[in-house]
Amino acid sequence: MVTAALHALARAEPELARQFEAGWNTTAAAWSARQWTPPDDPGFEPAFRAALVGELTPRLGAGTDAWVAQVEAGGAVLTPHHVCPTPGPTFGAIDRVASLGHDGPVLVLAWSGVPMSNTASSGALCFAQAELDHLLQAGPELKRQRQAAKDRARDGVVAEKRLTLLPSGLRDALVYQCPAPQRLHDVFAAATDELRAVMPSPEEHERYPAWCLRAAEAVQRRVLQRDDLFYVDLNAVARRYLLTVLEQPDHPVTRLLTMSPDTLPDLEGMSWFYARKPGKREKVRTLYGCPDELQEGLASGEVCPGLVVVFGALRCLSRIRLLGGFRQVLYLEDIARAWTAAGLAAQGAGVPGRLMTGRLTADGRPVYPLDVALGLVDRAVLPGPDTPMSTLWEPMLARVEARASR
């Protein structure tokens, strides 16, 4: 089955299949170290670096600049993640493999330009082994969550357990800049000591994605047993970055935003920005081009930077390797080619991304980091330095082949 899936993948995306084949029997530590190999003269574009420092300074204080310099020296960052409070089996595998091959700080630039109902389930805690009464004290909130679980089971959603954190009106809302709803505070008012021990409670006036990043970071630090893993909202960094570079008429991003999407035909269907679509149930509106009054929208938080803008700048204008999932390593090069063809970047500018993906499983079942953090799944099930990458890739290979063929 694996060979057939690899052959099918090779017909659709031969370079991607080659990467899987080349690393199939490689140990996780060796594969990770290879992906982390820094490019020549690594570093962020100065304007992006300044935006990243600005986003991190409230957390790291006076040591922010030095910490970012360590990240730059490492030459790579992780970029496949969505902003969500509990990394699942895929994001959990990515963090685990990445940590096996790199001794320096690990920076995760997580994407908040998605609806809450994205595949990472940004609006819920996700797990498989914990029971709801292990996470919540007896009372109205536990009763509500049990009813929600029954409803999901009735609808056939049984692949994972969830503790929902949002009202139904925000189910499809944009994660980016979303205020924390009262429901989140209600859940943590009912949280057990076991849940509070592994995950922070939301702070007053804290935005929902900011809390998600703190929660995911706390879980993964506990699981990986390292305190140099940081999650940052890439779209929030990009907002700071854009508000700076849009003041420069000759900057490639400023020039990009004067172009029609037709100028970059190979990127048809790829987002430039996102905006909120208000209503009884808020939704996400994807913008394929530059919106009117962009700077005002960015400043207010109503407009969120999208793929063409953010990853074009990171891929072409910085010299930092982006370690991403299989879809990301493909569209990064599509964006780079389009930027080059449009005269926004020189041929060969920037650094190509590299594959960093996998799936945590044990005895054929997915492993959720929250269960590991709670002590309900032994850390021994996590891949070790000598685990072959095939162990992490085989469970997802059929999905990779199917998506790459779309």
Protein backbone atom coordinates (compact mmCIF):
# COMPACT_ATOMS: atom_id res chain seq x y z
CA MET A 1 0.00 0.00 0.00
CA VAL A 2 2.79 2.42 0.89
CA THR A 3 4.62 1.75 -2.37
CA ALA A 4 1.44 2.25 -4.38
CA ALA A 5 0.72 5.54 -2.61
CA LEU A 6 4.26 6.75 -3.18
CA HIS A 7 4.04 5.87 -6.87
CA ALA A 8 0.72 7.69 -7.16
CA LEU A 9 2.20 10.70 -5.38
CA ALA A 10 5.19 10.62 -7.72
CA ARG A 11 2.89 10.98 -10.73
CA ALA A 12 1.29 14.10 -9.26
CA GLU A 13 4.23 15.68 -7.40
CA PRO A 14 7.51 13.90 -8.24
CA GLU A 15 9.74 16.18 -6.17
CA LEU A 16 7.56 15.74 -3.08
CA ALA A 17 7.55 11.95 -3.54
CA ARG A 18 11.33 12.03 -3.90
CA GLN A 19 11.65 13.76 -0.53
CA PHE A 20 9.51 11.11 1.16
CA GLU A 21 11.42 8.28 -0.49
CA ALA A 22 14.81 9.79 0.38
CA GLY A 23 13.92 10.02 4.05
CA TRP A 24 11.81 6.87 4.41
CA ASN A 25 14.37 4.86 6.39
CA THR A 26 16.19 7.85 7.88
CA THR A 27 15.99 8.25 11.66
CA ALA A 28 13.90 11.11 12.99
CA ALA A 29 16.92 12.83 14.53
CA ALA A 30 18.96 12.61 11.33
CA TRP A 31 16.07 13.76 9.16
CA SER A 32 15.35 16.69 11.46
CA ALA A 33 18.99 17.78 11.61
CA ARG A 34 19.16 17.70 7.81
CA GLN A 35 16.07 19.89 7.48
CA TRP A 36 17.47 22.36 10.02
CA THR A 37 20.70 22.87 8.05
CA PRO A 38 20.86 26.68 7.80
CA PRO A 39 21.24 28.51 4.50
CA ASP A 40 24.19 30.77 3.78
CA ASP A 41 23.92 34.13 5.55
CA PRO A 42 20.70 33.30 7.41
CA GLY A 43 18.51 36.10 8.68
CA PHE A 44 15.12 37.77 8.44
CA GLU A 45 14.47 40.75 6.23
CA PRO A 46 15.14 43.75 8.55
CA ALA A 47 11.54 44.99 8.45
CA PHE A 48 10.16 41.53 9.22
CA ARG A 49 12.74 41.09 11.98
CA ALA A 50 11.66 44.36 13.57
CA ALA A 51 8.01 43.25 13.42
CA LEU A 52 8.87 39.90 15.02
CA VAL A 53 10.84 41.60 17.79
CA GLY A 54 7.91 43.95 18.38
CA GLU A 55 5.47 41.03 18.68
CA LEU A 56 7.72 39.09 21.07
CA THR A 57 8.96 41.92 23.30
CA PRO A 58 5.89 41.97 25.61
CA ARG A 59 6.71 38.32 26.45
CA LEU A 60 10.52 38.25 26.38
CA GLY A 61 11.38 41.79 27.43
CA ALA A 62 14.92 43.08 27.06
CA GLY A 63 16.22 39.72 25.84
CA THR A 64 14.01 39.63 22.72
CA ASP A 65 16.60 40.87 20.25
CA ALA A 66 19.19 38.33 21.40
CA TRP A 67 16.62 35.53 21.28
CA VAL A 68 15.64 36.40 17.71
CA ALA A 69 19.34 36.44 16.80
CA GLN A 70 19.57 32.83 18.06
CA VAL A 71 16.61 31.88 15.88
CA GLU A 72 18.28 33.50 12.88
CA ALA A 73 21.53 31.65 13.56
CA GLY A 74 19.54 28.39 13.53
CA GLY A 75 18.39 29.35 10.05
CA ALA A 76 14.84 27.95 10.13
CA VAL A 77 11.38 28.33 11.64
CA LEU A 78 8.29 26.10 11.70
CA THR A 79 5.37 27.44 9.63
CA PRO A 80 2.77 24.67 9.03
CA HIS A 81 0.77 25.27 12.23
CA HIS A 82 -2.62 26.90 12.61
CA VAL A 83 -3.33 28.86 15.78
CA CYS A 84 -5.17 26.41 18.02
CA PRO A 85 -5.08 25.63 21.77
CA THR A 86 -4.21 21.95 21.45
CA PRO A 87 -1.91 20.71 18.70
CA GLY A 88 -3.21 17.45 17.27
CA PRO A 89 -1.34 14.37 16.05
CA THR A 90 0.13 16.19 13.02
CA PHE A 91 1.31 19.42 14.66
CA GLY A 92 2.43 17.33 17.62
CA ALA A 93 4.57 15.17 15.33
CA ILE A 94 6.06 18.22 13.62
CA ASP A 95 7.13 19.76 16.94
CA ARG A 96 8.52 16.45 18.17
CA VAL A 97 10.57 15.73 15.05
CA ALA A 98 11.80 19.32 14.85
CA SER A 99 12.97 19.19 18.48
CA LEU A 100 14.98 16.01 17.87
CA GLY A 101 17.35 17.63 15.39
CA HIS A 102 17.88 21.10 16.80
CA ASP A 103 19.38 22.22 20.11
CA GLY A 104 18.63 25.92 19.70
CA PRO A 105 15.32 27.72 20.20
CA VAL A 106 12.36 26.50 18.14
CA LEU A 107 10.09 29.24 16.79
CA VAL A 108 6.64 28.28 15.53
CA LEU A 109 5.04 30.94 13.32
CA ALA A 110 1.40 29.85 13.51
CA TRP A 111 -1.29 30.95 11.06
CA SER A 112 -4.40 32.68 12.42
CA GLY A 113 -5.92 33.48 8.99
CA VAL A 114 -8.37 30.56 9.22
CA PRO A 115 -11.92 30.01 10.47
CA MET A 116 -12.32 28.54 13.93
CA SER A 117 -13.71 25.38 12.32
CA ASN A 118 -10.51 24.64 10.38
CA THR A 119 -9.04 21.13 10.45
CA ALA A 120 -6.97 21.99 13.54
CA SER A 121 -10.20 22.72 15.48
CA SER A 122 -9.09 26.12 16.75
CA GLY A 123 -12.28 26.50 18.77
CA ALA A 124 -11.84 23.42 20.97
CA LEU A 125 -9.50 21.35 23.10
CA CYS A 126 -8.89 18.06 21.29
CA PHE A 127 -7.91 14.75 22.88
CA ALA A 128 -8.64 11.03 22.74
CA GLN A 129 -8.02 9.47 26.16
CA ALA A 130 -9.20 12.10 28.65
CA GLU A 131 -12.79 12.09 29.86
CA LEU A 132 -14.76 15.29 30.22
CA ASP A 133 -15.04 14.86 33.99
CA HIS A 134 -11.23 14.67 34.11
CA LEU A 135 -11.14 18.19 32.65
CA LEU A 136 -14.23 19.84 34.17
CA GLN A 137 -15.74 19.92 37.64
CA ALA A 138 -19.33 18.79 38.14
CA GLY A 139 -21.80 21.50 37.20
CA PRO A 140 -23.55 23.23 34.29
CA GLU A 141 -20.48 23.44 32.06
CA LEU A 142 -19.75 19.72 32.32
CA LYS A 143 -23.40 18.99 31.57
CA ARG A 144 -23.31 21.25 28.50
CA GLN A 145 -20.11 19.65 27.19
CA ARG A 146 -21.55 16.15 27.65
CA GLN A 147 -24.59 17.12 25.61
CA ALA A 148 -22.34 18.56 22.89
CA ALA A 149 -20.39 15.28 22.83
CA LYS A 150 -23.63 13.33 22.40
CA ASP A 151 -24.63 15.60 19.52
CA ARG A 152 -21.30 15.03 17.77
CA ALA A 153 -21.60 11.27 18.24
CA ARG A 154 -25.11 11.37 16.78
CA ASP A 155 -23.71 13.26 13.77
CA GLY A 156 -20.93 10.69 13.33
CA VAL A 157 -18.06 12.88 14.62
CA VAL A 158 -16.21 10.29 16.66
CA ALA A 159 -12.59 10.55 15.47
CA GLU A 160 -11.58 12.64 18.48
CA LYS A 161 -13.03 14.05 21.67
CA ARG A 162 -13.46 17.80 22.05
CA LEU A 163 -14.15 20.35 24.72
CA THR A 164 -15.76 23.28 22.91
CA LEU A 165 -14.65 26.79 23.84
CA LEU A 166 -16.83 28.98 21.64
CA PRO A 167 -20.51 29.80 21.16
CA SER A 168 -22.06 28.54 17.92
CA GLY A 169 -22.03 32.04 16.41
CA LEU A 170 -18.22 32.00 16.33
CA ARG A 171 -17.82 28.50 14.92
CA ASP A 172 -16.77 29.82 11.51
CA ALA A 173 -15.32 33.15 12.66
CA LEU A 174 -11.82 34.31 11.75
CA VAL A 175 -9.29 33.27 14.40
CA TYR A 176 -7.13 36.36 13.77
CA GLN A 177 -7.71 39.14 16.34
CA CYS A 178 -10.86 37.44 17.67
CA PRO A 179 -11.76 38.59 21.20
CA ALA A 180 -11.93 35.80 23.77
CA PRO A 181 -15.62 34.92 24.22
CA GLN A 182 -17.24 34.59 27.63
CA ARG A 183 -17.65 30.87 26.92
CA LEU A 184 -13.86 30.41 27.18
CA HIS A 185 -13.85 32.03 30.62
CA ASP A 186 -16.82 29.88 31.66
CA VAL A 187 -14.98 26.71 30.68
CA PHE A 188 -11.89 27.60 32.67
CA ALA A 189 -13.96 28.68 35.67
CA ALA A 190 -15.10 25.03 35.74
CA ALA A 191 -11.70 23.52 34.92
CA THR A 192 -10.26 20.82 37.16
CA ASP A 193 -6.86 21.14 38.81
CA GLU A 194 -5.58 18.57 36.30
CA LEU A 195 -6.43 20.81 33.34
CA ARG A 196 -5.16 23.95 35.05
CA ALA A 197 -1.85 22.21 35.72
CA VAL A 198 -1.10 21.85 32.02
CA MET A 199 -2.87 24.82 30.44
CA PRO A 200 -3.11 28.51 31.38
CA SER A 201 -6.42 30.19 32.09
CA PRO A 202 -7.36 33.12 29.84
CA GLU A 203 -6.49 36.56 31.11
CA GLU A 204 -8.94 39.45 31.28
CA HIS A 205 -9.18 41.27 27.91
CA GLU A 206 -6.82 38.74 26.27
CA ARG A 207 -7.62 38.01 22.63
CA TYR A 208 -8.51 34.45 21.76
CA PRO A 209 -5.52 33.69 19.48
CA ALA A 210 -3.10 35.05 22.08
CA TRP A 211 -4.52 32.64 24.64
CA CYS A 212 -4.45 29.77 22.11
CA LEU A 213 -0.73 30.32 21.53
CA ARG A 214 0.01 30.32 25.26
CA ALA A 215 -2.05 27.16 25.69
CA ALA A 216 -0.43 25.26 22.81
CA GLU A 217 3.01 26.35 23.90
CA ALA A 218 2.39 25.19 27.48
CA VAL A 219 1.17 21.77 26.32
CA GLN A 220 4.05 21.23 23.91
CA ARG A 221 6.71 22.41 26.34
CA ARG A 222 5.42 19.88 28.85
CA VAL A 223 5.28 17.10 26.26
CA LEU A 224 8.69 17.84 24.73
CA GLN A 225 10.30 18.81 28.04
CA ARG A 226 11.98 21.92 26.70
CA ASP A 227 11.31 25.55 27.49
CA ASP A 228 12.78 27.14 24.36
CA LEU A 229 9.74 26.45 22.15
CA PHE A 230 7.76 29.59 21.32
CA TYR A 231 4.50 29.96 19.40
CA VAL A 232 3.89 33.32 17.69
CA ASP A 233 0.96 34.52 15.56
CA LEU A 234 2.47 34.93 12.07
CA ASN A 235 -0.45 37.05 10.85
CA ALA A 236 -0.04 39.44 13.78
CA VAL A 237 3.67 39.78 12.96
CA ALA A 238 2.74 40.33 9.30
CA ARG A 239 0.31 43.09 10.29
CA ARG A 240 3.13 44.98 12.02
CA TYR A 241 5.40 44.32 9.06
CA LEU A 242 2.92 45.56 6.46
CA LEU A 243 2.11 48.75 8.36
CA THR A 244 5.83 49.55 8.12
CA VAL A 245 6.71 48.53 4.57
CA LEU A 246 3.58 50.04 3.01
CA GLU A 247 5.13 53.42 3.81
CA GLN A 248 7.91 52.53 1.32
CA PRO A 249 6.67 52.95 -2.29
CA ASP A 250 9.48 50.87 -3.80
CA HIS A 251 9.20 47.94 -1.41
CA PRO A 252 8.27 44.69 -3.21
CA VAL A 253 5.16 44.24 -1.04
CA THR A 254 3.96 47.77 -1.79
CA ARG A 255 4.51 47.14 -5.49
CA LEU A 256 2.69 43.79 -5.25
CA LEU A 257 -0.36 45.48 -3.81
CA THR A 258 -0.63 47.84 -6.75
CA MET A 259 -0.88 44.86 -9.12
CA SER A 260 -3.97 43.09 -10.33
CA PRO A 261 -4.23 39.43 -9.31
CA ASP A 262 -4.25 38.72 -13.05
CA THR A 263 -0.55 39.68 -13.03
CA LEU A 264 0.10 36.52 -11.00
CA PRO A 265 -2.14 33.99 -12.76
CA ASP A 266 -0.45 30.94 -11.24
CA LEU A 267 -1.69 32.04 -7.81
CA GLU A 268 -5.36 32.08 -8.76
CA GLY A 269 -7.46 31.04 -5.80
CA MET A 270 -4.74 31.82 -3.25
CA SER A 271 -5.57 34.40 -0.59
CA TRP A 272 -4.09 37.89 -0.49
CA PHE A 273 -6.07 38.99 2.58
CA TYR A 274 -9.01 37.91 4.73
CA ALA A 275 -11.80 39.95 6.28
CA ARG A 276 -14.63 39.25 8.67
CA LYS A 277 -18.09 38.68 7.22
CA PRO A 278 -20.42 39.71 10.05
CA GLY A 279 -23.77 38.12 10.69
CA LYS A 280 -25.61 35.94 13.17
CA ARG A 281 -22.85 33.41 12.50
CA GLU A 282 -19.66 35.26 11.60
CA LYS A 283 -17.71 33.90 8.62
CA VAL A 284 -14.42 34.56 6.84
CA ARG A 285 -14.26 36.46 3.55
CA THR A 286 -11.20 35.68 1.40
CA LEU A 287 -9.87 38.58 -0.69
CA TYR A 288 -8.04 37.88 -3.95
CA GLY A 289 -6.28 41.21 -4.31
CA CYS A 290 -5.67 44.36 -2.31
CA PRO A 291 -8.74 45.73 -0.48
CA ASP A 292 -9.63 49.41 -0.36
CA GLU A 293 -8.33 51.33 2.66
CA LEU A 294 -5.88 48.55 3.43
CA GLN A 295 -3.86 50.39 6.04
CA GLU A 296 -6.98 51.36 7.97
CA GLY A 297 -8.17 47.76 7.87
CA LEU A 298 -4.81 46.46 9.07
CA ALA A 299 -4.63 49.04 11.85
CA SER A 300 -8.12 48.19 13.11
CA GLY A 301 -7.59 44.43 12.85
CA GLU A 302 -10.50 44.02 10.44
CA VAL A 303 -8.22 42.92 7.58
CA CYS A 304 -5.88 39.94 8.00
CA PRO A 305 -2.81 39.35 5.77
CA GLY A 306 -3.05 36.29 3.51
CA LEU A 307 -0.81 33.71 1.85
CA VAL A 308 0.41 35.55 -1.27
CA VAL A 309 1.54 38.56 0.73
CA VAL A 310 2.93 36.94 3.89
CA PHE A 311 4.64 33.88 2.47
CA GLY A 312 5.81 35.77 -0.60
CA ALA A 313 7.68 38.18 1.64
CA LEU A 314 9.04 35.48 3.95
CA ARG A 315 10.05 33.11 1.15
CA CYS A 316 11.61 35.71 -1.17
CA LEU A 317 12.89 38.56 1.03
CA SER A 318 14.25 36.73 4.09
CA ARG A 319 16.96 34.09 4.24
CA ILE A 320 15.25 31.80 6.74
CA ARG A 321 14.22 28.29 5.84
CA LEU A 322 10.50 27.65 6.29
CA LEU A 323 9.91 24.12 7.56
CA GLY A 324 6.39 23.23 6.50
CA GLY A 325 3.89 20.54 5.65
CA PHE A 326 3.59 18.90 2.25
CA ARG A 327 1.08 21.41 0.89
CA GLN A 328 3.11 24.34 2.13
CA VAL A 329 6.40 23.33 0.53
CA LEU A 330 4.52 23.16 -2.78
CA TYR A 331 2.74 26.51 -2.61
CA LEU A 332 5.84 28.30 -1.29
CA GLU A 333 7.56 27.59 -4.58
CA ASP A 334 4.46 28.55 -6.57
CA ILE A 335 4.49 31.91 -4.79
CA ALA A 336 8.23 32.36 -5.27
CA ARG A 337 7.97 31.70 -9.01
CA ALA A 338 5.07 34.15 -9.33
CA TRP A 339 6.91 36.88 -7.40
CA THR A 340 9.98 36.37 -9.59
CA ALA A 341 7.96 36.44 -12.82
CA ALA A 342 6.28 39.67 -11.68
CA GLY A 343 9.64 41.31 -11.03
CA LEU A 344 9.14 41.47 -7.26
CA ALA A 345 12.13 39.26 -6.43
CA ALA A 346 15.34 38.33 -8.22
CA GLN A 347 15.82 34.85 -9.63
CA GLY A 348 17.00 32.60 -6.79
CA ALA A 349 16.12 35.10 -4.06
CA GLY A 350 15.31 33.79 -0.62
CA VAL A 351 15.47 30.20 0.55
CA PRO A 352 13.30 27.23 -0.54
CA GLY A 353 11.18 25.62 2.15
CA ARG A 354 11.73 22.11 3.42
CA LEU A 355 9.41 19.33 4.44
CA MET A 356 8.61 18.85 8.13
CA THR A 357 5.57 16.68 8.70
CA GLY A 358 4.33 13.45 10.23
CA ARG A 359 1.63 12.03 12.47
CA LEU A 360 1.79 10.76 16.04
CA THR A 361 0.29 7.29 16.41
CA ALA A 362 0.49 4.32 18.76
CA ASP A 363 -0.90 0.89 17.87
CA GLY A 364 -2.58 2.44 14.85
CA ARG A 365 -4.42 5.11 16.84
CA PRO A 366 -3.68 8.86 16.81
CA VAL A 367 -1.85 10.32 19.80
CA TYR A 368 -2.90 13.75 21.06
CA PRO A 369 -0.37 15.94 22.90
CA LEU A 370 -2.96 17.01 25.50
CA ASP A 371 -3.36 13.38 26.60
CA VAL A 372 0.42 13.11 26.93
CA ALA A 373 0.62 16.37 28.88
CA LEU A 374 -2.09 15.11 31.26
CA GLY A 375 -0.15 11.89 31.85
CA LEU A 376 -2.85 9.73 30.30
CA VAL A 377 -0.51 8.57 27.50
CA ASP A 378 3.09 7.67 28.30
CA ARG A 379 5.78 9.83 26.71
CA ALA A 380 7.43 6.58 25.64
CA VAL A 381 5.01 6.40 22.69
CA LEU A 382 6.55 9.54 21.20
CA PRO A 383 9.04 8.98 18.37
CA GLY A 384 12.63 8.87 19.60
CA PRO A 385 15.86 9.88 17.85
CA ASP A 386 16.18 6.45 16.19
CA THR A 387 12.57 6.13 15.04
CA PRO A 388 12.46 5.81 11.23
CA MET A 389 10.55 8.61 9.52
CA SER A 390 8.38 5.99 7.82
CA THR A 391 6.71 5.45 11.22
CA LEU A 392 5.49 9.06 11.16
CA TRP A 393 4.78 9.24 7.44
CA GLU A 394 3.01 5.97 6.74
CA PRO A 395 -0.19 6.92 8.64
CA MET A 396 -0.56 10.08 6.56
CA LEU A 397 0.82 9.02 3.19
CA ALA A 398 -2.53 8.22 1.60
CA ARG A 399 -3.84 11.66 2.63
CA VAL A 400 -0.71 13.32 1.23
CA GLU A 401 -1.15 11.59 -2.12
CA ALA A 402 -4.84 12.45 -2.28
CA ARG A 403 -4.33 16.14 -1.50
CA ALA A 404 -1.32 16.58 -3.77
CA SER A 405 -3.38 15.15 -6.63
CA ARG A 406 -6.12 17.80 -6.27
